[in-house]
PDB file of all heavy atoms in Angstrom:
ATOM      1  N   ILE A   1       0.832  -1.202   0.000  1.00  0.00           N
ATOM      2  CA  ILE A   1       0.000   0.000   0.000  1.00  0.00           C
ATOM      3  C   ILE A   1       0.869   1.255   0.000  1.00  0.00           C
ATOM      4  O   ILE A   1       0.648   2.195  -0.770  1.00  0.00           O
ATOM      5  CB  ILE A   1      -0.950  -0.002   1.213  1.00  0.00           C
ATOM      6  CG1 ILE A   1      -2.030  -1.077   1.045  1.00  0.00           C
ATOM      7  CG2 ILE A   1      -1.604   1.365   1.405  1.00  0.00           C
ATOM      8  CD1 ILE A   1      -2.866  -1.292   2.290  1.00  0.00           C
ATOM      9  N   VAL A   2       1.880   1.268   0.864  1.00  0.00           N
ATOM     10  CA  VAL A   2       2.748   2.441   0.989  1.00  0.00           C
ATOM     11  C   VAL A   2       3.556   2.675  -0.280  1.00  0.00           C
ATOM     12  O   VAL A   2       3.629   3.800  -0.794  1.00  0.00           O
ATOM     13  CB  VAL A   2       3.675   2.282   2.211  1.00  0.00           C
ATOM     14  CG1 VAL A   2       4.760   3.349   2.206  1.00  0.00           C
ATOM     15  CG2 VAL A   2       2.870   2.359   3.506  1.00  0.00           C
ATOM     16  N   LEU A   3       4.172   1.625  -0.807  1.00  0.00           N
ATOM     17  CA  LEU A   3       5.076   1.793  -1.940  1.00  0.00           C
ATOM     18  C   LEU A   3       4.339   1.995  -3.262  1.00  0.00           C
ATOM     19  O   LEU A   3       4.791   2.754  -4.128  1.00  0.00           O
ATOM     20  CB  LEU A   3       6.022   0.601  -2.052  1.00  0.00           C
ATOM     21  CG  LEU A   3       6.979   0.406  -0.869  1.00  0.00           C
ATOM     22  CD1 LEU A   3       7.953  -0.725  -1.150  1.00  0.00           C
ATOM     23  CD2 LEU A   3       7.736   1.684  -0.542  1.00  0.00           C
ATOM     24  N   GLU A   4       3.195   1.326  -3.438  1.00  0.00           N
ATOM     25  CA  GLU A   4       2.443   1.497  -4.684  1.00  0.00           C
ATOM     26  C   GLU A   4       1.512   2.705  -4.629  1.00  0.00           C
ATOM     27  O   GLU A   4       1.003   3.145  -5.661  1.00  0.00           O
ATOM     28  CB  GLU A   4       1.654   0.235  -5.004  1.00  0.00           C
ATOM     29  CG  GLU A   4       2.549  -0.950  -5.329  1.00  0.00           C
ATOM     30  CD  GLU A   4       1.782  -2.160  -5.828  1.00  0.00           C
ATOM     31  OE1 GLU A   4       0.519  -2.085  -5.888  1.00  0.00           O
ATOM     32  OE2 GLU A   4       2.420  -3.173  -6.161  1.00  0.00           O
ATOM     33  N   GLY A   5       1.283   3.213  -3.434  1.00  0.00           N
ATOM     34  CA  GLY A   5       0.507   4.443  -3.298  1.00  0.00           C
ATOM     35  C   GLY A   5      -0.970   4.290  -3.539  1.00  0.00           C
ATOM     36  O   GLY A   5      -1.642   5.247  -3.950  1.00  0.00           O
ATOM     37  N   LYS A   6      -1.530   3.118  -3.256  1.00  0.00           N
ATOM     38  CA  LYS A   6      -2.972   2.926  -3.440  1.00  0.00           C
ATOM     39  C   LYS A   6      -3.439   1.711  -2.648  1.00  0.00           C
ATOM     40  O   LYS A   6      -2.644   0.831  -2.300  1.00  0.00           O
ATOM     41  CB  LYS A   6      -3.309   2.744  -4.919  1.00  0.00           C
ATOM     42  CG  LYS A   6      -2.654   1.541  -5.568  1.00  0.00           C
ATOM     43  CD  LYS A   6      -2.998   1.461  -7.053  1.00  0.00           C
ATOM     44  CE  LYS A   6      -2.314   0.247  -7.703  1.00  0.00           C
ATOM     45  NZ  LYS A   6      -2.633   0.165  -9.149  1.00  0.00           N
ATOM     46  N   ILE A   7      -4.743   1.687  -2.376  1.00  0.00           N
ATOM     47  CA  ILE A   7      -5.350   0.559  -1.693  1.00  0.00           C
ATOM     48  C   ILE A   7      -5.738  -0.487  -2.731  1.00  0.00           C
ATOM     49  O   ILE A   7      -6.471  -0.185  -3.670  1.00  0.00           O
ATOM     50  CB  ILE A   7      -6.598   0.993  -0.900  1.00  0.00           C
ATOM     51  CG1 ILE A   7      -6.251   2.114   0.081  1.00  0.00           C
ATOM     52  CG2 ILE A   7      -7.212  -0.200  -0.168  1.00  0.00           C
ATOM     53  CD1 ILE A   7      -5.258   1.723   1.143  1.00  0.00           C
ATOM     54  N   PRO A   8      -5.272  -1.724  -2.609  1.00  0.00           N
ATOM     55  CA  PRO A   8      -5.650  -2.746  -3.585  1.00  0.00           C
ATOM     56  C   PRO A   8      -7.154  -2.995  -3.568  1.00  0.00           C
ATOM     57  O   PRO A   8      -7.802  -2.900  -2.526  1.00  0.00           O
ATOM     58  CB  PRO A   8      -4.887  -3.995  -3.106  1.00  0.00           C
ATOM     59  CG  PRO A   8      -3.823  -3.487  -2.201  1.00  0.00           C
ATOM     60  CD  PRO A   8      -4.347  -2.228  -1.588  1.00  0.00           C
ATOM     61  N   ARG A   9      -7.691  -3.322  -4.713  1.00  0.00           N
ATOM     62  CA  ARG A   9      -9.130  -3.592  -4.803  1.00  0.00           C
ATOM     63  C   ARG A   9      -9.544  -4.777  -3.938  1.00  0.00           C
ATOM     64  O   ARG A   9     -10.676  -4.856  -3.475  1.00  0.00           O
ATOM     65  CB  ARG A   9      -9.515  -3.850  -6.261  1.00  0.00           C
ATOM     66  CG  ARG A   9      -9.412  -2.616  -7.157  1.00  0.00           C
ATOM     67  CD  ARG A   9      -9.877  -2.931  -8.562  1.00  0.00           C
ATOM     68  NE  ARG A   9      -9.828  -1.745  -9.425  1.00  0.00           N
ATOM     69  CZ  ARG A   9     -10.169  -1.747 -10.705  1.00  0.00           C
ATOM     70  NH1 ARG A   9     -10.588  -2.878 -11.276  1.00  0.00           N
ATOM     71  NH2 ARG A   9     -10.096  -0.641 -11.413  1.00  0.00           N
ATOM     72  N   ALA A  10      -8.625  -5.705  -3.764  1.00  0.00           N
ATOM     73  CA  ALA A  10      -8.943  -6.910  -3.002  1.00  0.00           C
ATOM     74  C   ALA A  10      -8.928  -6.685  -1.492  1.00  0.00           C
ATOM     75  O   ALA A  10      -9.228  -7.595  -0.725  1.00  0.00           O
ATOM     76  CB  ALA A  10      -7.955  -8.013  -3.358  1.00  0.00           C
ATOM     77  N   MET A  11      -8.608  -5.451  -1.057  1.00  0.00           N
ATOM     78  CA  MET A  11      -8.495  -5.180   0.377  1.00  0.00           C
ATOM     79  C   MET A  11      -9.803  -5.501   1.105  1.00  0.00           C
ATOM     80  O   MET A  11      -9.805  -6.149   2.155  1.00  0.00           O
ATOM     81  CB  MET A  11      -8.137  -3.709   0.592  1.00  0.00           C
ATOM     82  CG  MET A  11      -7.882  -3.331   2.030  1.00  0.00           C
ATOM     83  SD  MET A  11      -6.237  -3.794   2.582  1.00  0.00           S
ATOM     84  CE  MET A  11      -6.270  -3.200   4.272  1.00  0.00           C
ATOM     85  N   ALA A  12     -10.920  -5.069   0.555  1.00  0.00           N
ATOM     86  CA  ALA A  12     -12.207  -5.308   1.211  1.00  0.00           C
ATOM     87  C   ALA A  12     -12.529  -6.797   1.282  1.00  0.00           C
ATOM     88  O   ALA A  12     -13.161  -7.267   2.232  1.00  0.00           O
ATOM     89  CB  ALA A  12     -13.318  -4.561   0.477  1.00  0.00           C
ATOM     90  N   MET A  13     -12.057  -7.549   0.283  1.00  0.00           N
ATOM     91  CA  MET A  13     -12.306  -8.991   0.274  1.00  0.00           C
ATOM     92  C   MET A  13     -11.526  -9.706   1.375  1.00  0.00           C
ATOM     93  O   MET A  13     -11.862 -10.835   1.738  1.00  0.00           O
ATOM     94  CB  MET A  13     -11.907  -9.571  -1.088  1.00  0.00           C
ATOM     95  CG  MET A  13     -12.681  -9.005  -2.257  1.00  0.00           C
ATOM     96  SD  MET A  13     -14.444  -9.414  -2.172  1.00  0.00           S
ATOM     97  CE  MET A  13     -14.370 -11.189  -2.404  1.00  0.00           C
ATOM     98  N   ALA A  14     -10.505  -9.056   1.901  1.00  0.00           N
ATOM     99  CA  ALA A  14      -9.663  -9.671   2.924  1.00  0.00           C
ATOM    100  C   ALA A  14     -10.167  -9.389   4.333  1.00  0.00           C
ATOM    101  O   ALA A  14      -9.490  -9.711   5.313  1.00  0.00           O
ATOM    102  CB  ALA A  14      -8.226  -9.173   2.785  1.00  0.00           C
ATOM    103  N   GLU A  15     -11.339  -8.781   4.462  1.00  0.00           N
ATOM    104  CA  GLU A  15     -11.893  -8.505   5.784  1.00  0.00           C
ATOM    105  C   GLU A  15     -12.148  -9.804   6.546  1.00  0.00           C
ATOM    106  O   GLU A  15     -12.441 -10.849   5.962  1.00  0.00           O
ATOM    107  CB  GLU A  15     -13.198  -7.715   5.665  1.00  0.00           C
ATOM    108  CG  GLU A  15     -13.017  -6.269   5.225  1.00  0.00           C
ATOM    109  CD  GLU A  15     -14.331  -5.510   5.192  1.00  0.00           C
ATOM    110  OE1 GLU A  15     -15.386  -6.150   5.373  1.00  0.00           O
ATOM    111  OE2 GLU A  15     -14.313  -4.284   4.981  1.00  0.00           O
ATOM    112  N   TYR A  16     -12.045  -9.729   7.860  1.00  0.00           N
ATOM    113  CA  TYR A  16     -12.342 -10.858   8.739  1.00  0.00           C
ATOM    114  C   TYR A  16     -13.797 -11.267   8.537  1.00  0.00           C
ATOM    115  O   TYR A  16     -14.704 -10.440   8.541  1.00  0.00           O
ATOM    116  CB  TYR A  16     -12.089 -10.430  10.186  1.00  0.00           C
ATOM    117  CG  TYR A  16     -12.410 -11.456  11.236  1.00  0.00           C
ATOM    118  CD1 TYR A  16     -11.653 -12.619  11.338  1.00  0.00           C
ATOM    119  CD2 TYR A  16     -13.445 -11.252  12.133  1.00  0.00           C
ATOM    120  CE1 TYR A  16     -11.930 -13.556  12.320  1.00  0.00           C
ATOM    121  CE2 TYR A  16     -13.723 -12.192  13.122  1.00  0.00           C
ATOM    122  CZ  TYR A  16     -12.971 -13.347  13.206  1.00  0.00           C
ATOM    123  OH  TYR A  16     -13.237 -14.274  14.175  1.00  0.00           O
ATOM    124  N   LYS A  17     -14.043 -12.558   8.360  1.00  0.00           N
ATOM    125  CA  LYS A  17     -15.358 -13.016   7.909  1.00  0.00           C
ATOM    126  C   LYS A  17     -16.284 -13.458   9.040  1.00  0.00           C
ATOM    127  O   LYS A  17     -17.427 -13.856   8.779  1.00  0.00           O
ATOM    128  CB  LYS A  17     -15.190 -14.163   6.915  1.00  0.00           C
ATOM    129  CG  LYS A  17     -14.434 -13.751   5.649  1.00  0.00           C
ATOM    130  CD  LYS A  17     -14.382 -14.868   4.631  1.00  0.00           C
ATOM    131  CE  LYS A  17     -13.579 -14.462   3.394  1.00  0.00           C
ATOM    132  NZ  LYS A  17     -14.145 -13.290   2.715  1.00  0.00           N
ATOM    133  N   PHE A  18     -15.811 -13.388  10.280  1.00  0.00           N
ATOM    134  CA  PHE A  18     -16.632 -13.911  11.359  1.00  0.00           C
ATOM    135  C   PHE A  18     -17.139 -12.838  12.329  1.00  0.00           C
ATOM    136  O   PHE A  18     -17.454 -13.132  13.466  1.00  0.00           O
ATOM    137  CB  PHE A  18     -15.862 -14.987  12.132  1.00  0.00           C
ATOM    138  CG  PHE A  18     -15.584 -16.213  11.316  1.00  0.00           C
ATOM    139  CD1 PHE A  18     -14.320 -16.442  10.811  1.00  0.00           C
ATOM    140  CD2 PHE A  18     -16.587 -17.114  11.033  1.00  0.00           C
ATOM    141  CE1 PHE A  18     -14.054 -17.562  10.043  1.00  0.00           C
ATOM    142  CE2 PHE A  18     -16.340 -18.243  10.267  1.00  0.00           C
ATOM    143  CZ  PHE A  18     -15.068 -18.460   9.774  1.00  0.00           C
ATOM    144  N   PHE A  19     -17.185 -11.579  11.872  1.00  0.00           N
ATOM    145  CA  PHE A  19     -17.831 -10.559  12.689  1.00  0.00           C
ATOM    146  C   PHE A  19     -19.330 -10.850  12.756  1.00  0.00           C
ATOM    147  O   PHE A  19     -19.921 -11.290  11.755  1.00  0.00           O
ATOM    148  CB  PHE A  19     -17.637  -9.159  12.085  1.00  0.00           C
ATOM    149  CG  PHE A  19     -16.358  -8.492  12.508  1.00  0.00           C
ATOM    150  CD1 PHE A  19     -15.452  -8.036  11.570  1.00  0.00           C
ATOM    151  CD2 PHE A  19     -16.070  -8.317  13.851  1.00  0.00           C
ATOM    152  CE1 PHE A  19     -14.285  -7.420  11.957  1.00  0.00           C
ATOM    153  CE2 PHE A  19     -14.904  -7.702  14.245  1.00  0.00           C
ATOM    154  CZ  PHE A  19     -14.005  -7.257  13.295  1.00  0.00           C
ATOM    155  N   PRO A  20     -19.967 -10.617  13.899  1.00  0.00           N
ATOM    156  CA  PRO A  20     -21.428 -10.741  13.948  1.00  0.00           C
ATOM    157  C   PRO A  20     -22.072  -9.850  12.898  1.00  0.00           C
ATOM    158  O   PRO A  20     -21.582  -8.765  12.594  1.00  0.00           O
ATOM    159  CB  PRO A  20     -21.762 -10.261  15.372  1.00  0.00           C
ATOM    160  CG  PRO A  20     -20.510 -10.496  16.158  1.00  0.00           C
ATOM    161  CD  PRO A  20     -19.382 -10.266  15.200  1.00  0.00           C
ATOM    162  N   LYS A  21     -23.166 -10.313  12.318  1.00  0.00           N
ATOM    163  CA  LYS A  21     -23.778  -9.589  11.203  1.00  0.00           C
ATOM    164  C   LYS A  21     -24.278  -8.202  11.607  1.00  0.00           C
ATOM    165  O   LYS A  21     -24.418  -7.314  10.775  1.00  0.00           O
ATOM    166  CB  LYS A  21     -24.927 -10.409  10.633  1.00  0.00           C
ATOM    167  CG  LYS A  21     -24.466 -11.686   9.943  1.00  0.00           C
ATOM    168  CD  LYS A  21     -25.627 -12.452   9.328  1.00  0.00           C
ATOM    169  CE  LYS A  21     -25.133 -13.710   8.613  1.00  0.00           C
ATOM    170  NZ  LYS A  21     -26.247 -14.479   8.011  1.00  0.00           N
ATOM    171  N   ASP A  22     -24.539  -8.017  12.902  1.00  0.00           N
ATOM    172  CA  ASP A  22     -25.041  -6.719  13.339  1.00  0.00           C
ATOM    173  C   ASP A  22     -23.922  -5.767  13.750  1.00  0.00           C
ATOM    174  O   ASP A  22     -24.183  -4.686  14.265  1.00  0.00           O
ATOM    175  CB  ASP A  22     -26.015  -6.893  14.516  1.00  0.00           C
ATOM    176  CG  ASP A  22     -25.355  -7.574  15.706  1.00  0.00           C
ATOM    177  OD1 ASP A  22     -24.316  -8.239  15.505  1.00  0.00           O
ATOM    178  OD2 ASP A  22     -25.890  -7.450  16.819  1.00  0.00           O
ATOM    179  N   LYS A  23     -22.682  -6.171  13.520  1.00  0.00           N
ATOM    180  CA  LYS A  23     -21.554  -5.322  13.876  1.00  0.00           C
ATOM    181  C   LYS A  23     -20.608  -5.190  12.680  1.00  0.00           C
ATOM    182  O   LYS A  23     -20.599  -6.007  11.781  1.00  0.00           O
ATOM    183  CB  LYS A  23     -20.785  -5.907  15.069  1.00  0.00           C
ATOM    184  CG  LYS A  23     -21.578  -5.930  16.365  1.00  0.00           C
ATOM    185  CD  LYS A  23     -20.719  -6.446  17.509  1.00  0.00           C
ATOM    186  CE  LYS A  23     -21.499  -6.437  18.820  1.00  0.00           C
ATOM    187  NZ  LYS A  23     -20.670  -6.936  19.948  1.00  0.00           N
ATOM    188  N   SER A  24     -19.837  -4.143  12.681  1.00  0.00           N
ATOM    189  CA  SER A  24     -18.824  -3.957  11.645  1.00  0.00           C
ATOM    190  C   SER A  24     -17.628  -3.248  12.258  1.00  0.00           C
ATOM    191  O   SER A  24     -17.744  -2.565  13.270  1.00  0.00           O
ATOM    192  CB  SER A  24     -19.376  -3.147  10.472  1.00  0.00           C
ATOM    193  OG  SER A  24     -19.736  -1.843  10.889  1.00  0.00           O
ATOM    194  N   SER A  25     -16.493  -3.418  11.644  1.00  0.00           N
ATOM    195  CA  SER A  25     -15.280  -2.794  12.156  1.00  0.00           C
ATOM    196  C   SER A  25     -14.393  -2.400  10.991  1.00  0.00           C
ATOM    197  O   SER A  25     -14.319  -3.107   9.983  1.00  0.00           O
ATOM    198  CB  SER A  25     -14.533  -3.769  13.078  1.00  0.00           C
ATOM    199  OG  SER A  25     -13.362  -3.188  13.582  1.00  0.00           O
ATOM    200  N   ASN A  26     -13.732  -1.274  11.115  1.00  0.00           N
ATOM    201  CA  ASN A  26     -12.816  -0.830  10.073  1.00  0.00           C
ATOM    202  C   ASN A  26     -11.531  -1.653  10.112  1.00  0.00           C
ATOM    203  O   ASN A  26     -11.176  -2.235  11.138  1.00  0.00           O
ATOM    204  CB  ASN A  26     -12.493   0.654  10.239  1.00  0.00           C
ATOM    205  CG  ASN A  26     -13.726   1.522  10.083  1.00  0.00           C
ATOM    206  OD1 ASN A  26     -14.673   1.152   9.393  1.00  0.00           O
ATOM    207  ND2 ASN A  26     -13.723   2.676  10.730  1.00  0.00           N
ATOM    208  N   GLN A  27     -10.836  -1.680   9.002  1.00  0.00           N
ATOM    209  CA  GLN A  27      -9.545  -2.357   8.928  1.00  0.00           C
ATOM    210  C   GLN A  27      -8.449  -1.394   9.387  1.00  0.00           C
ATOM    211  O   GLN A  27      -8.418  -0.238   8.964  1.00  0.00           O
ATOM    212  CB  GLN A  27      -9.273  -2.829   7.504  1.00  0.00           C
ATOM    213  CG  GLN A  27     -10.235  -3.910   7.031  1.00  0.00           C
ATOM    214  CD  GLN A  27     -10.074  -4.207   5.559  1.00  0.00           C
ATOM    215  OE1 GLN A  27     -10.317  -3.353   4.718  1.00  0.00           O
ATOM    216  NE2 GLN A  27      -9.654  -5.420   5.222  1.00  0.00           N
TER     217      GLN A  27
END
């Protein structure tokens, strides 16, 4: 991220998958 200067598109896909459905958390 730092060296290429952008957030990869796949970043959101790498979110932790076991958060309760009624909660969310930023990366």
